[in-house]
Amino acid sequence: MRRRRAAKIGAGLLICAASLFFVCSAHAGCQSEMRILADDLAGVELTSAQRQWIADKILKARRHCWVHREEAAMELINAARKMAGLKEATGEFDWENVPLESLEKPPPN
């Protein structure tokens, strides 16, 4: 009896852990685009109204990203990018404009 119960609990925990893994990996696209947006906004001069508008769009994009609405999140991210005067994101890596050498990690000392 105890072994069956322990097996059921173990299986339940395994399913829970697997579902958490898939949930985290499912919205990696919009999460990474939001990180890129944050990096791109670092050197941009914005007015107070623009910052507030962009912050609102980013907050809404985070909510959409959390519930796996990638397209809606990307529309909001691109709206924020447009307001800041940045190029729209496509969700794909720009292989043509990023040199491969910049992606390599320097060797440890």
C-alpha atoms as a PDB file:
ATOM      1  CA  MET A   1       0.000   0.000   0.000  1.00  0.00           C
ATOM      2  CA  ARG A   2       2.736   2.446   0.975  1.00  0.00           C
ATOM      3  CA  ARG A   3       4.820   1.529  -2.061  1.00  0.00           C
ATOM      4  CA  ARG A   4       1.924   2.237  -4.425  1.00  0.00           C
ATOM      5  CA  ARG A   5       1.269   5.560  -2.769  1.00  0.00           C
ATOM      6  CA  ALA A   6       4.957   6.478  -2.924  1.00  0.00           C
ATOM      7  CA  ALA A   7       5.056   5.467  -6.587  1.00  0.00           C
ATOM      8  CA  LYS A   8       1.997   7.606  -7.353  1.00  0.00           C
ATOM      9  CA  ILE A   9       3.508  10.585  -5.535  1.00  0.00           C
ATOM     10  CA  GLY A  10       6.830  10.083  -7.338  1.00  0.00           C
ATOM     11  CA  ALA A  11       5.087   9.892 -10.701  1.00  0.00           C
ATOM     12  CA  GLY A  12       3.082  13.006  -9.887  1.00  0.00           C
ATOM     13  CA  LEU A  13       6.230  14.909  -8.968  1.00  0.00           C
ATOM     14  CA  LEU A  14       7.927  13.782 -12.177  1.00  0.00           C
ATOM     15  CA  ILE A  15       4.973  14.960 -14.280  1.00  0.00           C
ATOM     16  CA  CYS A  16       4.932  18.273 -12.416  1.00  0.00           C
ATOM     17  CA  ALA A  17       8.663  18.802 -12.979  1.00  0.00           C
ATOM     18  CA  ALA A  18       8.355  17.935 -16.673  1.00  0.00           C
ATOM     19  CA  SER A  19       5.434  20.318 -17.137  1.00  0.00           C
ATOM     20  CA  LEU A  20       7.413  23.120 -15.469  1.00  0.00           C
ATOM     21  CA  PHE A  21      10.301  22.448 -17.854  1.00  0.00           C
ATOM     22  CA  PHE A  22       8.017  22.674 -20.883  1.00  0.00           C
ATOM     23  CA  VAL A  23       6.306  25.824 -19.595  1.00  0.00           C
ATOM     24  CA  CYS A  24       9.663  27.542 -19.099  1.00  0.00           C
ATOM     25  CA  SER A  25      10.986  26.512 -22.500  1.00  0.00           C
ATOM     26  CA  ALA A  26       7.776  27.396 -24.343  1.00  0.00           C
ATOM     27  CA  HIS A  27       8.045  31.140 -23.781  1.00  0.00           C
ATOM     28  CA  ALA A  28      11.770  31.515 -24.234  1.00  0.00           C
ATOM     29  CA  GLY A  29      11.286  33.377 -27.542  1.00  0.00           C
ATOM     30  CA  CYS A  30       9.457  36.410 -26.218  1.00  0.00           C
ATOM     31  CA  GLN A  31      11.503  36.398 -23.013  1.00  0.00           C
ATOM     32  CA  SER A  32      14.727  36.622 -24.995  1.00  0.00           C
ATOM     33  CA  GLU A  33      13.263  39.385 -27.172  1.00  0.00           C
ATOM     34  CA  MET A  34      12.397  41.318 -24.030  1.00  0.00           C
ATOM     35  CA  ARG A  35      16.000  40.963 -22.807  1.00  0.00           C
ATOM     36  CA  ILE A  36      17.258  42.188 -26.179  1.00  0.00           C
ATOM     37  CA  LEU A  37      14.861  45.141 -25.983  1.00  0.00           C
ATOM     38  CA  ALA A  38      16.205  46.020 -22.534  1.00  0.00           C
ATOM     39  CA  ASP A  39      19.774  45.941 -23.879  1.00  0.00           C
ATOM     40  CA  ASP A  40      18.823  48.085 -26.869  1.00  0.00           C
ATOM     41  CA  LEU A  41      16.999  50.644 -24.716  1.00  0.00           C
ATOM     42  CA  ALA A  42      20.051  51.146 -22.494  1.00  0.00           C
ATOM     43  CA  GLY A  43      21.507  54.011 -24.533  1.00  0.00           C
ATOM     44  CA  VAL A  44      18.320  55.579 -25.892  1.00  0.00           C
ATOM     45  CA  GLU A  45      17.213  59.027 -24.700  1.00  0.00           C
ATOM     46  CA  LEU A  46      13.459  59.050 -24.004  1.00  0.00           C
ATOM     47  CA  THR A  47      11.009  61.533 -22.571  1.00  0.00           C
ATOM     48  CA  SER A  48       9.088  60.714 -19.421  1.00  0.00           C
ATOM     49  CA  ALA A  49       5.905  60.070 -21.418  1.00  0.00           C
ATOM     50  CA  GLN A  50       7.754  57.735 -23.804  1.00  0.00           C
ATOM     51  CA  ARG A  51       9.290  55.793 -20.914  1.00  0.00           C
ATOM     52  CA  GLN A  52       5.901  55.383 -19.294  1.00  0.00           C
ATOM     53  CA  TRP A  53       4.269  54.257 -22.563  1.00  0.00           C
ATOM     54  CA  ILE A  54       7.074  51.782 -23.276  1.00  0.00           C
ATOM     55  CA  ALA A  55       6.955  50.440 -19.702  1.00  0.00           C
ATOM     56  CA  ASP A  56       3.224  49.812 -20.108  1.00  0.00           C
ATOM     57  CA  LYS A  57       3.801  47.907 -23.369  1.00  0.00           C
ATOM     58  CA  ILE A  58       6.573  45.830 -21.818  1.00  0.00           C
ATOM     59  CA  LEU A  59       4.393  44.940 -18.822  1.00  0.00           C
ATOM     60  CA  LYS A  60       1.566  43.829 -21.129  1.00  0.00           C
ATOM     61  CA  ALA A  61       4.050  41.864 -23.270  1.00  0.00           C
ATOM     62  CA  ARG A  62       5.305  40.029 -20.146  1.00  0.00           C
ATOM     63  CA  ARG A  63       1.732  39.040 -19.307  1.00  0.00           C
ATOM     64  CA  HIS A  64       1.118  37.727 -22.834  1.00  0.00           C
ATOM     65  CA  CYS A  65       4.432  35.897 -22.803  1.00  0.00           C
ATOM     66  CA  TRP A  66       3.586  34.222 -19.501  1.00  0.00           C
ATOM     67  CA  VAL A  67       0.372  32.732 -20.934  1.00  0.00           C
ATOM     68  CA  HIS A  68       2.114  31.659 -24.171  1.00  0.00           C
ATOM     69  CA  ARG A  69       0.649  34.316 -26.471  1.00  0.00           C
ATOM     70  CA  GLU A  70       3.868  34.822 -28.423  1.00  0.00           C
ATOM     71  CA  GLU A  71       2.343  36.791 -31.303  1.00  0.00           C
ATOM     72  CA  ALA A  72       0.581  39.295 -29.043  1.00  0.00           C
ATOM     73  CA  ALA A  73       3.745  39.695 -26.961  1.00  0.00           C
ATOM     74  CA  MET A  74       5.884  40.275 -30.063  1.00  0.00           C
ATOM     75  CA  GLU A  75       3.426  42.911 -31.352  1.00  0.00           C
ATOM     76  CA  LEU A  76       3.751  44.804 -28.066  1.00  0.00           C
ATOM     77  CA  ILE A  77       7.540  44.435 -28.024  1.00  0.00           C
ATOM     78  CA  ASN A  78       7.743  45.760 -31.575  1.00  0.00           C
ATOM     79  CA  ALA A  79       5.449  48.667 -30.694  1.00  0.00           C
ATOM     80  CA  ALA A  80       7.812  49.565 -27.847  1.00  0.00           C
ATOM     81  CA  ARG A  81      10.803  49.264 -30.177  1.00  0.00           C
ATOM     82  CA  LYS A  82       9.114  51.513 -32.729  1.00  0.00           C
ATOM     83  CA  MET A  83       8.348  54.166 -30.081  1.00  0.00           C
ATOM     84  CA  ALA A  84      12.024  54.156 -29.061  1.00  0.00           C
ATOM     85  CA  GLY A  85      13.158  54.453 -32.692  1.00  0.00           C
ATOM     86  CA  LEU A  86      14.635  50.940 -32.820  1.00  0.00           C
ATOM     87  CA  LYS A  87      14.406  48.380 -35.604  1.00  0.00           C
ATOM     88  CA  GLU A  88      11.537  45.883 -35.228  1.00  0.00           C
ATOM     89  CA  ALA A  89      12.404  42.397 -33.998  1.00  0.00           C
ATOM     90  CA  THR A  90      11.585  39.375 -36.126  1.00  0.00           C
ATOM     91  CA  GLY A  91      12.259  36.762 -33.468  1.00  0.00           C
ATOM     92  CA  GLU A  92      15.126  35.284 -35.485  1.00  0.00           C
ATOM     93  CA  PHE A  93      18.849  35.707 -34.965  1.00  0.00           C
ATOM     94  CA  ASP A  94      20.462  38.183 -37.375  1.00  0.00           C
ATOM     95  CA  TRP A  95      23.265  36.043 -38.794  1.00  0.00           C
ATOM     96  CA  GLU A  96      24.170  38.581 -41.476  1.00  0.00           C
ATOM     97  CA  ASN A  97      24.966  41.497 -39.181  1.00  0.00           C
ATOM     98  CA  VAL A  98      26.427  39.782 -36.111  1.00  0.00           C
ATOM     99  CA  PRO A  99      29.980  38.463 -36.568  1.00  0.00           C
ATOM    100  CA  LEU A 100      30.509  34.926 -35.343  1.00  0.00           C
ATOM    101  CA  GLU A 101      33.640  35.999 -33.459  1.00  0.00           C
ATOM    102  CA  SER A 102      31.498  38.135 -31.147  1.00  0.00           C
ATOM    103  CA  LEU A 103      29.559  35.027 -30.072  1.00  0.00           C
ATOM    104  CA  GLU A 104      32.615  33.090 -28.977  1.00  0.00           C
ATOM    105  CA  LYS A 105      33.554  33.174 -25.336  1.00  0.00           C
ATOM    106  CA  PRO A 106      37.117  34.241 -24.529  1.00  0.00           C
ATOM    107  CA  PRO A 107      39.293  31.448 -23.153  1.00  0.00           C
ATOM    108  CA  PRO A 108      39.543  31.325 -19.353  1.00  0.00           C
ATOM    109  CA  ASN A 109      42.752  32.700 -17.851  1.00  0.00           C
END
